[in-house]
Amino acid sequence: KEALIGEWEWEYIGCFWNPEDANNDDFKGMTIEFKSDNTLDVRENGQITQTSNRKVVNGDVDLFALDVDPTVTQLYGRILFCDERVEFNDSYIDGCDNYFKRRK
């Protein structure tokens, strides 16, 4: 829960099962700010386009996921961290994986 707090910039999408939906720049300029009050702001090109409530929940195979209301499709799947990046891994159920980099 605490590791998500801060602002994350969308980098790319990978879709193993639907490659036509992947590796495009449809979400370029999107950032998500996770706040300590269990909300998040979605920004596109610096403008808030959505505010949602969020909750970290148990996901698949002892990993965590997010319950977001209203939903943000880029946040579907398991939460996987690597250094200053986070992946929302949804490919294990035929979805797409979205990758974000922490903004300094």
PDB file of N, CA and C in Angstrom:
ATOM      1  N   LYS A   1       0.830  -1.194   0.000  1.00  0.00           N
ATOM      2  CA  LYS A   1       0.000   0.000   0.000  1.00  0.00           C
ATOM      3  C   LYS A   1       0.870   1.252   0.000  1.00  0.00           C
ATOM      4  N   GLU A   2       1.864   1.275   0.874  1.00  0.00           N
ATOM      5  CA  GLU A   2       2.722   2.459   0.990  1.00  0.00           C
ATOM      6  C   GLU A   2       3.635   2.628  -0.229  1.00  0.00           C
ATOM      7  N   ALA A   3       4.034   1.529  -0.843  1.00  0.00           N
ATOM      8  CA  ALA A   3       4.961   1.599  -1.978  1.00  0.00           C
ATOM      9  C   ALA A   3       4.349   2.300  -3.189  1.00  0.00           C
ATOM     10  N   LEU A   4       3.024   2.335  -3.281  1.00  0.00           N
ATOM     11  CA  LEU A   4       2.371   2.992  -4.415  1.00  0.00           C
ATOM     12  C   LEU A   4       2.270   4.502  -4.257  1.00  0.00           C
ATOM     13  N   ILE A   5       2.318   5.003  -3.027  1.00  0.00           N
ATOM     14  CA  ILE A   5       2.088   6.430  -2.804  1.00  0.00           C
ATOM     15  C   ILE A   5       3.100   7.256  -3.587  1.00  0.00           C
ATOM     16  N   GLY A   6       2.571   8.230  -4.309  1.00  0.00           N
ATOM     17  CA  GLY A   6       3.384   9.103  -5.144  1.00  0.00           C
ATOM     18  C   GLY A   6       2.801   9.166  -6.542  1.00  0.00           C
ATOM     19  N   GLU A   7       3.569   9.769  -7.439  1.00  0.00           N
ATOM     20  CA  GLU A   7       3.101   9.950  -8.808  1.00  0.00           C
ATOM     21  C   GLU A   7       3.847   9.014  -9.753  1.00  0.00           C
ATOM     22  N   TRP A   8       3.100   8.381 -10.637  1.00  0.00           N
ATOM     23  CA  TRP A   8       3.626   7.391 -11.576  1.00  0.00           C
ATOM     24  C   TRP A   8       3.248   7.797 -12.987  1.00  0.00           C
ATOM     25  N   GLU A   9       4.209   7.718 -13.892  1.00  0.00           N
ATOM     26  CA  GLU A   9       3.977   8.067 -15.289  1.00  0.00           C
ATOM     27  C   GLU A   9       3.852   6.799 -16.130  1.00  0.00           C
ATOM     28  N   TRP A  10       2.783   6.730 -16.917  1.00  0.00           N
ATOM     29  CA  TRP A  10       2.564   5.575 -17.773  1.00  0.00           C
ATOM     30  C   TRP A  10       3.659   5.519 -18.827  1.00  0.00           C
ATOM     31  N   GLU A  11       4.238   4.311 -19.028  1.00  0.00           N
ATOM     32  CA  GLU A  11       5.291   4.138 -20.025  1.00  0.00           C
ATOM     33  C   GLU A  11       4.811   3.385 -21.260  1.00  0.00           C
ATOM     34  N   TYR A  12       4.257   2.189 -21.055  1.00  0.00           N
ATOM     35  CA  TYR A  12       3.796   1.418 -22.204  1.00  0.00           C
ATOM     36  C   TYR A  12       2.866   0.304 -21.761  1.00  0.00           C
ATOM     37  N   ILE A  13       2.247  -0.306 -22.768  1.00  0.00           N
ATOM     38  CA  ILE A  13       1.323  -1.407 -22.544  1.00  0.00           C
ATOM     39  C   ILE A  13       1.810  -2.614 -23.345  1.00  0.00           C
ATOM     40  N   GLY A  14       1.710  -3.783 -22.750  1.00  0.00           N
ATOM     41  CA  GLY A  14       2.058  -5.030 -23.431  1.00  0.00           C
ATOM     42  C   GLY A  14       0.860  -5.958 -23.389  1.00  0.00           C
ATOM     43  N   CYS A  15       0.477  -6.471 -24.554  1.00  0.00           N
ATOM     44  CA  CYS A  15      -0.688  -7.358 -24.648  1.00  0.00           C
ATOM     45  C   CYS A  15      -0.295  -8.623 -25.398  1.00  0.00           C
ATOM     46  N   PHE A  16       0.084  -9.640 -24.667  1.00  0.00           N
ATOM     47  CA  PHE A  16       0.509 -10.892 -25.281  1.00  0.00           C
ATOM     48  C   PHE A  16      -0.594 -11.501 -26.144  1.00  0.00           C
ATOM     49  N   TRP A  17      -1.808 -11.505 -25.628  1.00  0.00           N
ATOM     50  CA  TRP A  17      -2.915 -12.156 -26.324  1.00  0.00           C
ATOM     51  C   TRP A  17      -3.546 -11.261 -27.379  1.00  0.00           C
ATOM     52  N   ASN A  18      -3.374  -9.947 -27.254  1.00  0.00           N
ATOM     53  CA  ASN A  18      -3.943  -8.986 -28.208  1.00  0.00           C
ATOM     54  C   ASN A  18      -2.855  -8.017 -28.643  1.00  0.00           C
ATOM     55  N   PRO A  19      -1.877  -8.464 -29.415  1.00  0.00           N
ATOM     56  CA  PRO A  19      -0.740  -7.597 -29.746  1.00  0.00           C
ATOM     57  C   PRO A  19      -1.142  -6.317 -30.472  1.00  0.00           C
ATOM     58  N   GLU A  20      -2.301  -6.319 -31.120  1.00  0.00           N
ATOM     59  CA  GLU A  20      -2.750  -5.102 -31.798  1.00  0.00           C
ATOM     60  C   GLU A  20      -3.096  -3.986 -30.809  1.00  0.00           C
ATOM     61  N   ASP A  21      -3.327  -4.325 -29.552  1.00  0.00           N
ATOM     62  CA  ASP A  21      -3.637  -3.333 -28.524  1.00  0.00           C
ATOM     63  C   ASP A  21      -2.396  -2.860 -27.776  1.00  0.00           C
ATOM     64  N   ALA A  22      -1.231  -3.379 -28.131  1.00  0.00           N
ATOM     65  CA  ALA A  22      -0.031  -3.140 -27.333  1.00  0.00           C
ATOM     66  C   ALA A  22       0.937  -2.179 -28.012  1.00  0.00           C
ATOM     67  N   ASN A  23       1.881  -1.733 -27.191  1.00  0.00           N
ATOM     68  CA  ASN A  23       3.026  -0.957 -27.654  1.00  0.00           C
ATOM     69  C   ASN A  23       2.649   0.266 -28.470  1.00  0.00           C
ATOM     70  N   ASN A  24       1.528   0.856 -28.124  1.00  0.00           N
ATOM     71  CA  ASN A  24       1.145   2.108 -28.758  1.00  0.00           C
ATOM     72  C   ASN A  24       1.313   3.230 -27.743  1.00  0.00           C
ATOM     73  N   ASP A  25       1.008   4.424 -28.142  1.00  0.00           N
ATOM     74  CA  ASP A  25       1.179   5.544 -27.217  1.00  0.00           C
ATOM     75  C   ASP A  25      -0.160   6.181 -26.859  1.00  0.00           C
ATOM     76  N   ASP A  26      -1.219   5.361 -26.842  1.00  0.00           N
ATOM     77  CA  ASP A  26      -2.552   5.870 -26.530  1.00  0.00           C
ATOM     78  C   ASP A  26      -2.622   6.568 -25.172  1.00  0.00           C
ATOM     79  N   PHE A  27      -1.809   6.138 -24.222  1.00  0.00           N
ATOM     80  CA  PHE A  27      -1.884   6.693 -22.877  1.00  0.00           C
ATOM     81  C   PHE A  27      -0.673   7.562 -22.542  1.00  0.00           C
ATOM     82  N   LYS A  28       0.097   7.922 -23.562  1.00  0.00           N
ATOM     83  CA  LYS A  28       1.256   8.795 -23.345  1.00  0.00           C
ATOM     84  C   LYS A  28       0.783  10.103 -22.713  1.00  0.00           C
ATOM     85  N   GLY A  29       1.502  10.547 -21.699  1.00  0.00           N
ATOM     86  CA  GLY A  29       1.109  11.758 -20.985  1.00  0.00           C
ATOM     87  C   GLY A  29       0.217  11.495 -19.789  1.00  0.00           C
ATOM     88  N   MET A  30      -0.138  10.226 -19.556  1.00  0.00           N
ATOM     89  CA  MET A  30      -0.964   9.874 -18.395  1.00  0.00           C
ATOM     90  C   MET A  30      -0.085   9.685 -17.167  1.00  0.00           C
ATOM     91  N   THR A  31      -0.510  10.252 -16.054  1.00  0.00           N
ATOM     92  CA  THR A  31       0.120   9.972 -14.767  1.00  0.00           C
ATOM     93  C   THR A  31      -0.979   9.602 -13.784  1.00  0.00           C
ATOM     94  N   ILE A  32      -0.591   8.842 -12.788  1.00  0.00           N
ATOM     95  CA  ILE A  32      -1.509   8.495 -11.709  1.00  0.00           C
ATOM     96  C   ILE A  32      -0.819   8.825 -10.402  1.00  0.00           C
ATOM     97  N   GLU A  33      -1.505   9.612  -9.597  1.00  0.00           N
ATOM     98  CA  GLU A  33      -0.985   9.954  -8.274  1.00  0.00           C
ATOM     99  C   GLU A  33      -1.774   9.189  -7.224  1.00  0.00           C
ATOM    100  N   PHE A  34      -1.075   8.307  -6.520  1.00  0.00           N
ATOM    101  CA  PHE A  34      -1.665   7.552  -5.424  1.00  0.00           C
ATOM    102  C   PHE A  34      -1.462   8.361  -4.153  1.00  0.00           C
ATOM    103  N   LYS A  35      -2.540   8.676  -3.474  1.00  0.00           N
ATOM    104  CA  LYS A  35      -2.477   9.494  -2.266  1.00  0.00           C
ATOM    105  C   LYS A  35      -2.613   8.620  -1.020  1.00  0.00           C
ATOM    106  N   SER A  36      -2.138   9.140   0.089  1.00  0.00           N
ATOM    107  CA  SER A  36      -2.159   8.375   1.345  1.00  0.00           C
ATOM    108  C   SER A  36      -3.563   8.201   1.918  1.00  0.00           C
ATOM    109  N   ASP A  37      -4.545   8.956   1.400  1.00  0.00           N
ATOM    110  CA  ASP A  37      -5.922   8.836   1.895  1.00  0.00           C
ATOM    111  C   ASP A  37      -6.737   7.796   1.114  1.00  0.00           C
ATOM    112  N   ASN A  38      -6.034   6.897   0.410  1.00  0.00           N
ATOM    113  CA  ASN A  38      -6.663   5.814  -0.356  1.00  0.00           C
ATOM    114  C   ASN A  38      -7.467   6.309  -1.561  1.00  0.00           C
ATOM    115  N   THR A  39      -7.065   7.441  -2.109  1.00  0.00           N
ATOM    116  CA  THR A  39      -7.623   7.918  -3.365  1.00  0.00           C
ATOM    117  C   THR A  39      -6.497   7.989  -4.386  1.00  0.00           C
ATOM    118  N   LEU A  40      -6.875   8.213  -5.631  1.00  0.00           N
ATOM    119  CA  LEU A  40      -5.888   8.440  -6.676  1.00  0.00           C
ATOM    120  C   LEU A  40      -6.454   9.433  -7.676  1.00  0.00           C
ATOM    121  N   ASP A  41      -5.561  10.173  -8.314  1.00  0.00           N
ATOM    122  CA  ASP A  41      -5.926  11.102  -9.379  1.00  0.00           C
ATOM    123  C   ASP A  41      -5.284  10.624 -10.666  1.00  0.00           C
ATOM    124  N   VAL A  42      -6.086  10.549 -11.709  1.00  0.00           N
ATOM    125  CA  VAL A  42      -5.583  10.248 -13.046  1.00  0.00           C
ATOM    126  C   VAL A  42      -5.447  11.590 -13.760  1.00  0.00           C
ATOM    127  N   ARG A  43      -4.261  11.831 -14.304  1.00  0.00           N
ATOM    128  CA  ARG A  43      -4.023  13.055 -15.058  1.00  0.00           C
ATOM    129  C   ARG A  43      -3.635  12.693 -16.483  1.00  0.00           C
ATOM    130  N   GLU A  44      -4.160  13.463 -17.407  1.00  0.00           N
ATOM    131  CA  GLU A  44      -3.756  13.350 -18.803  1.00  0.00           C
ATOM    132  C   GLU A  44      -3.268  14.718 -19.225  1.00  0.00           C
ATOM    133  N   ASN A  45      -1.987  14.750 -19.629  1.00  0.00           N
ATOM    134  CA  ASN A  45      -1.337  15.998 -20.014  1.00  0.00           C
ATOM    135  C   ASN A  45      -1.488  17.066 -18.933  1.00  0.00           C
ATOM    136  N   GLY A  46      -1.334  16.645 -17.668  1.00  0.00           N
ATOM    137  CA  GLY A  46      -1.337  17.562 -16.534  1.00  0.00           C
ATOM    138  C   GLY A  46      -2.698  17.913 -15.966  1.00  0.00           C
ATOM    139  N   GLN A  47      -3.768  17.494 -16.604  1.00  0.00           N
ATOM    140  CA  GLN A  47      -5.126  17.814 -16.150  1.00  0.00           C
ATOM    141  C   GLN A  47      -5.766  16.598 -15.496  1.00  0.00           C
ATOM    142  N   ILE A  48      -6.361  16.792 -14.313  1.00  0.00           N
ATOM    143  CA  ILE A  48      -7.056  15.687 -13.648  1.00  0.00           C
ATOM    144  C   ILE A  48      -8.282  15.315 -14.469  1.00  0.00           C
ATOM    145  N   THR A  49      -8.350  14.042 -14.865  1.00  0.00           N
ATOM    146  CA  THR A  49      -9.490  13.549 -15.636  1.00  0.00           C
ATOM    147  C   THR A  49     -10.369  12.606 -14.828  1.00  0.00           C
ATOM    148  N   GLN A  50      -9.839  12.122 -13.699  1.00  0.00           N
ATOM    149  CA  GLN A  50     -10.612  11.205 -12.874  1.00  0.00           C
ATOM    150  C   GLN A  50     -10.004  11.145 -11.484  1.00  0.00           C
ATOM    151  N   THR A  51     -10.865  11.046 -10.484  1.00  0.00           N
ATOM    152  CA  THR A  51     -10.457  10.765  -9.109  1.00  0.00           C
ATOM    153  C   THR A  51     -11.197   9.506  -8.684  1.00  0.00           C
ATOM    154  N   SER A  52     -10.466   8.580  -8.083  1.00  0.00           N
ATOM    155  CA  SER A  52     -11.056   7.297  -7.681  1.00  0.00           C
ATOM    156  C   SER A  52     -10.639   6.955  -6.257  1.00  0.00           C
ATOM    157  N   ASN A  53     -11.436   6.122  -5.626  1.00  0.00           N
ATOM    158  CA  ASN A  53     -11.056   5.495  -4.369  1.00  0.00           C
ATOM    159  C   ASN A  53     -10.319   4.217  -4.715  1.00  0.00           C
ATOM    160  N   ARG A  54      -9.357   3.856  -3.880  1.00  0.00           N
ATOM    161  CA  ARG A  54      -8.589   2.645  -4.155  1.00  0.00           C
ATOM    162  C   ARG A  54      -8.370   1.857  -2.877  1.00  0.00           C
ATOM    163  N   LYS A  55      -8.213   0.567  -3.064  1.00  0.00           N
ATOM    164  CA  LYS A  55      -7.956  -0.320  -1.937  1.00  0.00           C
ATOM    165  C   LYS A  55      -7.044  -1.434  -2.434  1.00  0.00           C
ATOM    166  N   VAL A  56      -5.983  -1.701  -1.709  1.00  0.00           N
ATOM    167  CA  VAL A  56      -5.105  -2.824  -2.036  1.00  0.00           C
ATOM    168  C   VAL A  56      -5.773  -4.087  -1.519  1.00  0.00           C
ATOM    169  N   VAL A  57      -5.890  -5.083  -2.400  1.00  0.00           N
ATOM    170  CA  VAL A  57      -6.567  -6.334  -2.053  1.00  0.00           C
ATOM    171  C   VAL A  57      -5.653  -7.506  -2.388  1.00  0.00           C
ATOM    172  N   ASN A  58      -5.980  -8.662  -1.847  1.00  0.00           N
ATOM    173  CA  ASN A  58      -5.250  -9.876  -2.199  1.00  0.00           C
ATOM    174  C   ASN A  58      -5.547 -10.227  -3.644  1.00  0.00           C
ATOM    175  N   GLY A  59      -4.484 -10.501  -4.372  1.00  0.00           N
ATOM    176  CA  GLY A  59      -4.625 -10.885  -5.767  1.00  0.00           C
ATOM    177  C   GLY A  59      -4.341 -12.359  -5.938  1.00  0.00           C
ATOM    178  N   ASP A  60      -3.864 -12.701  -7.090  1.00  0.00           N
ATOM    179  CA  ASP A  60      -3.562 -14.079  -7.440  1.00  0.00           C
ATOM    180  C   ASP A  60      -2.210 -14.494  -6.866  1.00  0.00           C
ATOM    181  N   VAL A  61      -2.048 -15.740  -6.490  1.00  0.00           N
ATOM    182  CA  VAL A  61      -0.811 -16.358  -5.992  1.00  0.00           C
ATOM    183  C   VAL A  61      -0.036 -15.494  -4.998  1.00  0.00           C
ATOM    184  N   ASP A  62      -0.702 -15.089  -3.950  1.00  0.00           N
ATOM    185  CA  ASP A  62      -0.086 -14.322  -2.859  1.00  0.00           C
ATOM    186  C   ASP A  62       0.471 -12.967  -3.297  1.00  0.00           C
ATOM    187  N   LEU A  63      -0.029 -12.410  -4.367  1.00  0.00           N
ATOM    188  CA  LEU A  63       0.341 -11.071  -4.809  1.00  0.00           C
ATOM    189  C   LEU A  63      -0.821 -10.128  -4.523  1.00  0.00           C
ATOM    190  N   PHE A  64      -0.579  -8.845  -4.688  1.00  0.00           N
ATOM    191  CA  PHE A  64      -1.609  -7.853  -4.423  1.00  0.00           C
ATOM    192  C   PHE A  64      -2.141  -7.265  -5.715  1.00  0.00           C
ATOM    193  N   ALA A  65      -3.338  -6.709  -5.625  1.00  0.00           N
ATOM    194  CA  ALA A  65      -3.996  -6.037  -6.737  1.00  0.00           C
ATOM    195  C   ALA A  65      -4.726  -4.819  -6.164  1.00  0.00           C
ATOM    196  N   LEU A  66      -5.356  -4.054  -7.038  1.00  0.00           N
ATOM    197  CA  LEU A  66      -6.116  -2.889  -6.606  1.00  0.00           C
ATOM    198  C   LEU A  66      -7.591  -3.068  -6.906  1.00  0.00           C
ATOM    199  N   ASP A  67      -8.405  -2.585  -5.981  1.00  0.00           N
ATOM    200  CA  ASP A  67      -9.839  -2.428  -6.209  1.00  0.00           C
ATOM    201  C   ASP A  67     -10.033  -0.924  -6.341  1.00  0.00           C
ATOM    202  N   VAL A  68     -10.392  -0.452  -7.535  1.00  0.00           N
ATOM    203  CA  VAL A  68     -10.485   0.973  -7.823  1.00  0.00           C
ATOM    204  C   VAL A  68     -11.915   1.315  -8.231  1.00  0.00           C
ATOM    205  N   ASP A  69     -12.479   2.376  -7.625  1.00  0.00           N
ATOM    206  CA  ASP A  69     -13.843   2.797  -7.914  1.00  0.00           C
ATOM    207  C   ASP A  69     -13.909   4.315  -8.042  1.00  0.00           C
ATOM    208  N   PRO A  70     -14.272   4.826  -9.238  1.00  0.00           N
ATOM    209  CA  PRO A  70     -14.513   4.125 -10.476  1.00  0.00           C
ATOM    210  C   PRO A  70     -13.218   3.540 -11.042  1.00  0.00           C
ATOM    211  N   THR A  71     -13.376   2.532 -11.889  1.00  0.00           N
ATOM    212  CA  THR A  71     -12.240   1.755 -12.381  1.00  0.00           C
ATOM    213  C   THR A  71     -11.300   2.585 -13.258  1.00  0.00           C
ATOM    214  N   VAL A  72     -10.054   2.130 -13.287  1.00  0.00           N
ATOM    215  CA  VAL A  72      -9.025   2.660 -14.183  1.00  0.00           C
ATOM    216  C   VAL A  72      -8.428   1.436 -14.861  1.00  0.00           C
ATOM    217  N   THR A  73      -8.675   1.255 -16.147  1.00  0.00           N
ATOM    218  CA  THR A  73      -8.295   0.016 -16.821  1.00  0.00           C
ATOM    219  C   THR A  73      -6.794  -0.228 -16.827  1.00  0.00           C
ATOM    220  N   GLN A  74      -5.995   0.810 -16.747  1.00  0.00           N
ATOM    221  CA  GLN A  74      -4.538   0.647 -16.733  1.00  0.00           C
ATOM    222  C   GLN A  74      -4.038   0.069 -15.406  1.00  0.00           C
ATOM    223  N   LEU A  75      -4.914  -0.061 -14.417  1.00  0.00           N
ATOM    224  CA  LEU A  75      -4.525  -0.565 -13.098  1.00  0.00           C
ATOM    225  C   LEU A  75      -5.049  -1.967 -12.824  1.00  0.00           C
ATOM    226  N   TYR A  76      -5.506  -2.666 -13.856  1.00  0.00           N
ATOM    227  CA  TYR A  76      -5.975  -4.045 -13.684  1.00  0.00           C
ATOM    228  C   TYR A  76      -4.786  -4.978 -13.501  1.00  0.00           C
ATOM    229  N   GLY A  77      -4.960  -5.971 -12.660  1.00  0.00           N
ATOM    230  CA  GLY A  77      -3.977  -7.043 -12.545  1.00  0.00           C
ATOM    231  C   GLY A  77      -3.127  -6.986 -11.293  1.00  0.00           C
ATOM    232  N   ARG A  78      -2.201  -7.910 -11.223  1.00  0.00           N
ATOM    233  CA  ARG A  78      -1.263  -8.022 -10.103  1.00  0.00           C
ATOM    234  C   ARG A  78      -0.339  -6.807 -10.073  1.00  0.00           C
ATOM    235  N   ILE A  79       0.066  -6.416  -8.884  1.00  0.00           N
ATOM    236  CA  ILE A  79       1.004  -5.304  -8.728  1.00  0.00           C
ATOM    237  C   ILE A  79       2.408  -5.884  -8.574  1.00  0.00           C
ATOM    238  N   LEU A  80       3.299  -5.541  -9.510  1.00  0.00           N
ATOM    239  CA  LEU A  80       4.675  -6.022  -9.474  1.00  0.00           C
ATOM    240  C   LEU A  80       5.621  -4.828  -9.514  1.00  0.00           C
ATOM    241  N   PHE A  81       6.547  -4.755  -8.562  1.00  0.00           N
ATOM    242  CA  PHE A  81       7.510  -3.658  -8.487  1.00  0.00           C
ATOM    243  C   PHE A  81       8.890  -4.119  -8.938  1.00  0.00           C
ATOM    244  N   CYS A  82       9.620  -3.228  -9.600  1.00  0.00           N
ATOM    245  CA  CYS A  82      11.023  -3.433  -9.933  1.00  0.00           C
ATOM    246  C   CYS A  82      11.691  -2.069  -9.940  1.00  0.00           C
ATOM    247  N   ASP A  83      12.521  -1.826  -8.950  1.00  0.00           N
ATOM    248  CA  ASP A  83      13.184  -0.525  -8.789  1.00  0.00           C
ATOM    249  C   ASP A  83      12.142   0.591  -8.782  1.00  0.00           C
ATOM    250  N   GLU A  84      12.244   1.509  -9.716  1.00  0.00           N
ATOM    251  CA  GLU A  84      11.346   2.666  -9.750  1.00  0.00           C
ATOM    252  C   GLU A  84      10.197   2.465 -10.741  1.00  0.00           C
ATOM    253  N   ARG A  85       9.859   1.230 -11.000  1.00  0.00           N
ATOM    254  CA  ARG A  85       8.771   0.918 -11.926  1.00  0.00           C
ATOM    255  C   ARG A  85       7.752   0.003 -11.251  1.00  0.00           C
ATOM    256  N   VAL A  86       6.529   0.098 -11.751  1.00  0.00           N
ATOM    257  CA  VAL A  86       5.473  -0.804 -11.303  1.00  0.00           C
ATOM    258  C   VAL A  86       4.751  -1.324 -12.545  1.00  0.00           C
ATOM    259  N   GLU A  87       4.444  -2.610 -12.505  1.00  0.00           N
ATOM    260  CA  GLU A  87       3.671  -3.235 -13.573  1.00  0.00           C
ATOM    261  C   GLU A  87       2.337  -3.664 -12.995  1.00  0.00           C
ATOM    262  N   PHE A  88       1.271  -3.356 -13.711  1.00  0.00           N
ATOM    263  CA  PHE A  88      -0.039  -3.893 -13.381  1.00  0.00           C
ATOM    264  C   PHE A  88      -0.255  -5.032 -14.369  1.00  0.00           C
ATOM    265  N   ASN A  89      -0.006  -6.244 -13.876  1.00  0.00           N
ATOM    266  CA  ASN A  89       0.108  -7.450 -14.685  1.00  0.00           C
ATOM    267  C   ASN A  89      -1.246  -8.126 -14.810  1.00  0.00           C
ATOM    268  N   ASP A  90      -1.863  -7.985 -15.969  1.00  0.00           N
ATOM    269  CA  ASP A  90      -3.171  -8.592 -16.207  1.00  0.00           C
ATOM    270  C   ASP A  90      -3.108  -9.653 -17.292  1.00  0.00           C
ATOM    271  N   SER A  91      -1.909  -9.927 -17.818  1.00  0.00           N
ATOM    272  CA  SER A  91      -1.781 -10.891 -18.911  1.00  0.00           C
ATOM    273  C   SER A  91      -2.021 -12.336 -18.453  1.00  0.00           C
ATOM    274  N   TYR A  92      -1.906 -12.570 -17.155  1.00  0.00           N
ATOM    275  CA  TYR A  92      -2.130 -13.937 -16.681  1.00  0.00           C
ATOM    276  C   TYR A  92      -3.582 -14.376 -16.865  1.00  0.00           C
ATOM    277  N   ILE A  93      -4.479 -13.425 -17.101  1.00  0.00           N
ATOM    278  CA  ILE A  93      -5.876 -13.763 -17.410  1.00  0.00           C
ATOM    279  C   ILE A  93      -6.266 -13.163 -18.768  1.00  0.00           C
ATOM    280  N   ASP A  94      -5.286 -13.124 -19.677  1.00  0.00           N
ATOM    281  CA  ASP A  94      -5.498 -12.688 -21.059  1.00  0.00           C
ATOM    282  C   ASP A  94      -5.736 -11.189 -21.209  1.00  0.00           C
ATOM    283  N   GLY A  95      -5.396 -10.417 -20.196  1.00  0.00           N
ATOM    284  CA  GLY A  95      -5.488  -8.966 -20.300  1.00  0.00           C
ATOM    285  C   GLY A  95      -4.161  -8.381 -20.757  1.00  0.00           C
ATOM    286  N   CYS A  96      -4.024  -7.093 -20.573  1.00  0.00           N
ATOM    287  CA  CYS A  96      -2.797  -6.382 -20.948  1.00  0.00           C
ATOM    288  C   CYS A  96      -2.040  -5.957 -19.694  1.00  0.00           C
ATOM    289  N   ASP A  97      -0.743  -5.782 -19.842  1.00  0.00           N
ATOM    290  CA  ASP A  97       0.119  -5.325 -18.754  1.00  0.00           C
ATOM    291  C   ASP A  97       0.469  -3.859 -19.000  1.00  0.00           C
ATOM    292  N   ASN A  98       0.268  -3.033 -17.981  1.00  0.00           N
ATOM    293  CA  ASN A  98       0.609  -1.613 -18.075  1.00  0.00           C
ATOM    294  C   ASN A  98       1.791  -1.326 -17.161  1.00  0.00           C
ATOM    295  N   TYR A  99       2.741  -0.554 -17.684  1.00  0.00           N
ATOM    296  CA  TYR A  99       3.981  -0.249 -16.989  1.00  0.00           C
ATOM    297  C   TYR A  99       4.062   1.243 -16.707  1.00  0.00           C
ATOM    298  N   PHE A 100       4.426   1.569 -15.465  1.00  0.00           N
ATOM    299  CA  PHE A 100       4.555   2.948 -15.020  1.00  0.00           C
ATOM    300  C   PHE A 100       5.931   3.148 -14.398  1.00  0.00           C
ATOM    301  N   LYS A 101       6.445   4.369 -14.505  1.00  0.00           N
ATOM    302  CA  LYS A 101       7.713   4.750 -13.877  1.00  0.00           C
ATOM    303  C   LYS A 101       7.430   5.827 -12.856  1.00  0.00           C
ATOM    304  N   ARG A 102       8.061   5.693 -11.671  1.00  0.00           N
ATOM    305  CA  ARG A 102       7.875   6.686 -10.610  1.00  0.00           C
ATOM    306  C   ARG A 102       8.441   8.026 -11.061  1.00  0.00           C
ATOM    307  N   ARG A 103       7.671   9.068 -10.859  1.00  0.00           N
ATOM    308  CA  ARG A 103       8.147  10.419 -11.166  1.00  0.00           C
ATOM    309  C   ARG A 103       8.878  10.982  -9.975  1.00  0.00           C
ATOM    310  N   LYS A 104       9.962  11.661 -10.220  1.00  0.00           N
ATOM    311  CA  LYS A 104      10.768  12.235  -9.134  1.00  0.00           C
ATOM    312  C   LYS A 104      10.204  13.570  -8.712  1.00  0.00           C
TER     313      LYS A 104
END
